[in-house]
PDB file of N, CA and C in Angstrom:
ATOM      1  N   UNK A   1       0.851  -1.169   0.000  1.00  0.00           N
ATOM      2  CA  UNK A   1       0.000   0.000   0.000  1.00  0.00           C
ATOM      3  C   UNK A   1       0.899   1.235   0.000  1.00  0.00           C
ATOM      4  N   UNK A   2       0.458   2.269  -0.677  1.00  0.00           N
ATOM      5  CA  UNK A   2       1.188   3.533  -0.685  1.00  0.00           C
ATOM      6  C   UNK A   2       0.281   4.605  -0.090  1.00  0.00           C
ATOM      7  N   UNK A   3       0.863   5.468   0.720  1.00  0.00           N
ATOM      8  CA  UNK A   3       0.152   6.570   1.367  1.00  0.00           C
ATOM      9  C   UNK A   3       0.790   7.872   0.900  1.00  0.00           C
ATOM     10  N   UNK A   4       0.002   8.781   0.328  1.00  0.00           N
ATOM     11  CA  UNK A   4       0.507  10.046  -0.194  1.00  0.00           C
ATOM     12  C   UNK A   4      -0.179  11.182   0.562  1.00  0.00           C
ATOM     13  N   UNK A   5       0.622  12.093   1.114  1.00  0.00           N
ATOM     14  CA  UNK A   5       0.106  13.257   1.829  1.00  0.00           C
ATOM     15  C   UNK A   5       0.594  14.499   1.100  1.00  0.00           C
ATOM     16  N   UNK A   6      -0.336  15.368   0.678  1.00  0.00           N
ATOM     17  CA  UNK A   6       0.034  16.571  -0.054  1.00  0.00           C
ATOM     18  C   UNK A   6      -1.011  17.650   0.181  1.00  0.00           C
ATOM     19  N   UNK A   7      -0.556  18.820   0.590  1.00  0.00           N
ATOM     20  CA  UNK A   7      -1.420  19.990   0.729  1.00  0.00           C
ATOM     21  C   UNK A   7      -2.621  19.711   1.638  1.00  0.00           C
ATOM     22  N   UNK A   8      -2.375  18.972   2.733  1.00  0.00           N
ATOM     23  CA  UNK A   8      -3.437  18.688   3.689  1.00  0.00           C
ATOM     24  C   UNK A   8      -4.377  17.566   3.285  1.00  0.00           C
ATOM     25  N   UNK A   9      -4.137  16.926   2.156  1.00  0.00           N
ATOM     26  CA  UNK A   9      -4.984  15.821   1.686  1.00  0.00           C
ATOM     27  C   UNK A   9      -4.201  14.515   1.782  1.00  0.00           C
ATOM     28  N   UNK A  10      -4.898  13.456   2.121  1.00  0.00           N
ATOM     29  CA  UNK A  10      -4.277  12.144   2.249  1.00  0.00           C
ATOM     30  C   UNK A  10      -4.989  11.173   1.319  1.00  0.00           C
ATOM     31  N   UNK A  11      -4.208  10.415   0.555  1.00  0.00           N
ATOM     32  CA  UNK A  11      -4.762   9.389  -0.333  1.00  0.00           C
ATOM     33  C   UNK A  11      -3.948   8.124  -0.130  1.00  0.00           C
ATOM     34  N   UNK A  12      -4.585   6.984  -0.283  1.00  0.00           N
ATOM     35  CA  UNK A  12      -3.855   5.731  -0.251  1.00  0.00           C
ATOM     36  C   UNK A  12      -4.427   4.787  -1.288  1.00  0.00           C
ATOM     37  N   UNK A  13      -3.583   3.879  -1.762  1.00  0.00           N
ATOM     38  CA  UNK A  13      -3.999   2.926  -2.787  1.00  0.00           C
ATOM     39  C   UNK A  13      -3.163   1.665  -2.674  1.00  0.00           C
ATOM     40  N   UNK A  14      -3.697   0.571  -3.169  1.00  0.00           N
ATOM     41  CA  UNK A  14      -2.971  -0.690  -3.210  1.00  0.00           C
ATOM     42  C   UNK A  14      -1.915  -0.634  -4.310  1.00  0.00           C
ATOM     43  N   UNK A  15      -0.778  -1.255  -4.068  1.00  0.00           N
ATOM     44  CA  UNK A  15       0.265  -1.356  -5.080  1.00  0.00           C
ATOM     45  C   UNK A  15       0.006  -2.583  -5.950  1.00  0.00           C
ATOM     46  N   UNK A  16       0.395  -2.498  -7.224  1.00  0.00           N
ATOM     47  CA  UNK A  16       0.221  -3.635  -8.125  1.00  0.00           C
ATOM     48  C   UNK A  16       1.255  -4.710  -7.794  1.00  0.00           C
ATOM     49  N   UNK A  17       0.957  -5.933  -8.175  1.00  0.00           N
ATOM     50  CA  UNK A  17       1.853  -7.054  -7.892  1.00  0.00           C
ATOM     51  C   UNK A  17       3.165  -6.912  -8.680  1.00  0.00           C
ATOM     52  N   UNK A  18       3.064  -6.565  -9.963  1.00  0.00           N
ATOM     53  CA  UNK A  18       4.232  -6.352 -10.816  1.00  0.00           C
ATOM     54  C   UNK A  18       4.053  -5.007 -11.503  1.00  0.00           C
ATOM     55  N   UNK A  19       4.976  -4.081 -11.314  1.00  0.00           N
ATOM     56  CA  UNK A  19       4.874  -2.813 -12.021  1.00  0.00           C
ATOM     57  C   UNK A  19       5.503  -1.668 -11.263  1.00  0.00           C
ATOM     58  N   UNK A  20       5.219  -0.478 -11.733  1.00  0.00           N
ATOM     59  CA  UNK A  20       5.745   0.748 -11.129  1.00  0.00           C
ATOM     60  C   UNK A  20       4.588   1.636 -10.706  1.00  0.00           C
ATOM     61  N   UNK A  21       4.802   2.366  -9.626  1.00  0.00           N
ATOM     62  CA  UNK A  21       3.868   3.406  -9.192  1.00  0.00           C
ATOM     63  C   UNK A  21       4.643   4.713  -9.220  1.00  0.00           C
ATOM     64  N   UNK A  22       4.159   5.677  -9.987  1.00  0.00           N
ATOM     65  CA  UNK A  22       4.864   6.939 -10.197  1.00  0.00           C
ATOM     66  C   UNK A  22       4.031   8.068  -9.599  1.00  0.00           C
ATOM     67  N   UNK A  23       4.638   8.856  -8.711  1.00  0.00           N
ATOM     68  CA  UNK A  23       3.973  10.013  -8.116  1.00  0.00           C
ATOM     69  C   UNK A  23       4.453  11.242  -8.867  1.00  0.00           C
ATOM     70  N   UNK A  24       3.535  11.962  -9.503  1.00  0.00           N
ATOM     71  CA  UNK A  24       3.859  13.144 -10.309  1.00  0.00           C
ATOM     72  C   UNK A  24       3.534  14.384  -9.475  1.00  0.00           C
ATOM     73  N   UNK A  25       4.516  15.291  -9.371  1.00  0.00           N
ATOM     74  CA  UNK A  25       4.319  16.525  -8.604  1.00  0.00           C
ATOM     75  C   UNK A  25       4.428  17.742  -9.508  1.00  0.00           C
ATOM     76  N   UNK A  26       3.846  18.846  -9.050  1.00  0.00           N
ATOM     77  CA  UNK A  26       3.930  20.135  -9.746  1.00  0.00           C
ATOM     78  C   UNK A  26       3.927  21.217  -8.683  1.00  0.00           C
ATOM     79  N   UNK A  27       4.970  22.018  -8.654  1.00  0.00           N
ATOM     80  CA  UNK A  27       5.133  23.097  -7.686  1.00  0.00           C
ATOM     81  C   UNK A  27       4.993  22.600  -6.250  1.00  0.00           C
ATOM     82  N   UNK A  28       5.599  21.430  -5.982  1.00  0.00           N
ATOM     83  CA  UNK A  28       5.624  20.886  -4.633  1.00  0.00           C
ATOM     84  C   UNK A  28       4.349  20.198  -4.180  1.00  0.00           C
ATOM     85  N   UNK A  29       3.377  20.050  -5.076  1.00  0.00           N
ATOM     86  CA  UNK A  29       2.123  19.380  -4.739  1.00  0.00           C
ATOM     87  C   UNK A  29       1.938  18.170  -5.642  1.00  0.00           C
ATOM     88  N   UNK A  30       1.325  17.131  -5.108  1.00  0.00           N
ATOM     89  CA  UNK A  30       1.069  15.933  -5.889  1.00  0.00           C
ATOM     90  C   UNK A  30      -0.055  16.210  -6.881  1.00  0.00           C
ATOM     91  N   UNK A  31       0.197  15.931  -8.159  1.00  0.00           N
ATOM     92  CA  UNK A  31      -0.819  16.129  -9.201  1.00  0.00           C
ATOM     93  C   UNK A  31      -1.525  14.833  -9.547  1.00  0.00           C
ATOM     94  N   UNK A  32      -0.773  13.709  -9.619  1.00  0.00           N
ATOM     95  CA  UNK A  32      -1.398  12.428  -9.963  1.00  0.00           C
ATOM     96  C   UNK A  32      -0.483  11.291  -9.541  1.00  0.00           C
ATOM     97  N   UNK A  33      -1.069  10.119  -9.459  1.00  0.00           N
ATOM     98  CA  UNK A  33      -0.334   8.881  -9.221  1.00  0.00           C
ATOM     99  C   UNK A  33      -0.613   7.981 -10.420  1.00  0.00           C
ATOM    100  N   UNK A  34       0.460   7.544 -11.107  1.00  0.00           N
ATOM    101  CA  UNK A  34       0.312   6.715 -12.292  1.00  0.00           C
ATOM    102  C   UNK A  34       0.780   5.292 -11.983  1.00  0.00           C
ATOM    103  N   UNK A  35       0.126   4.333 -12.617  1.00  0.00           N
ATOM    104  CA  UNK A  35       0.484   2.926 -12.467  1.00  0.00           C
ATOM    105  C   UNK A  35       0.888   2.367 -13.810  1.00  0.00           C
ATOM    106  N   UNK A  36       2.031   1.671 -13.842  1.00  0.00           N
ATOM    107  CA  UNK A  36       2.511   0.982 -15.036  1.00  0.00           C
ATOM    108  C   UNK A  36       2.690  -0.476 -14.645  1.00  0.00           C
ATOM    109  N   UNK A  37       1.754  -1.318 -15.074  1.00  0.00           N
ATOM    110  CA  UNK A  37       1.780  -2.723 -14.694  1.00  0.00           C
ATOM    111  C   UNK A  37       2.333  -3.574 -15.821  1.00  0.00           C
ATOM    112  N   UNK A  38       2.979  -4.654 -15.452  1.00  0.00           N
ATOM    113  CA  UNK A  38       3.529  -5.550 -16.437  1.00  0.00           C
ATOM    114  C   UNK A  38       3.789  -6.911 -15.816  1.00  0.00           C
ATOM    115  N   UNK A  39       4.136  -7.858 -16.679  1.00  0.00           N
ATOM    116  CA  UNK A  39       4.450  -9.204 -16.241  1.00  0.00           C
ATOM    117  C   UNK A  39       5.628  -9.715 -17.022  1.00  0.00           C
ATOM    118  N   UNK A  40       6.540 -10.436 -16.348  1.00  0.00           N
ATOM    119  CA  UNK A  40       7.660 -11.050 -17.034  1.00  0.00           C
ATOM    120  C   UNK A  40       7.217 -12.369 -17.628  1.00  0.00           C
ATOM    121  N   UNK A  41       7.813 -12.751 -18.768  1.00  0.00           N
ATOM    122  CA  UNK A  41       7.525 -14.048 -19.391  1.00  0.00           C
ATOM    123  C   UNK A  41       8.511 -15.059 -18.860  1.00  0.00           C
TER     124      UNK A  41
END
């Protein structure tokens, strides 16, 4: 699980089993959380 705190707001989400979680910021504030999931062969 990931917990993000920005500008007095708190969000949390489950992490994917395989992949990346990217936190995008703008001017010191969180703008979005992106997920890039994949699987190895």
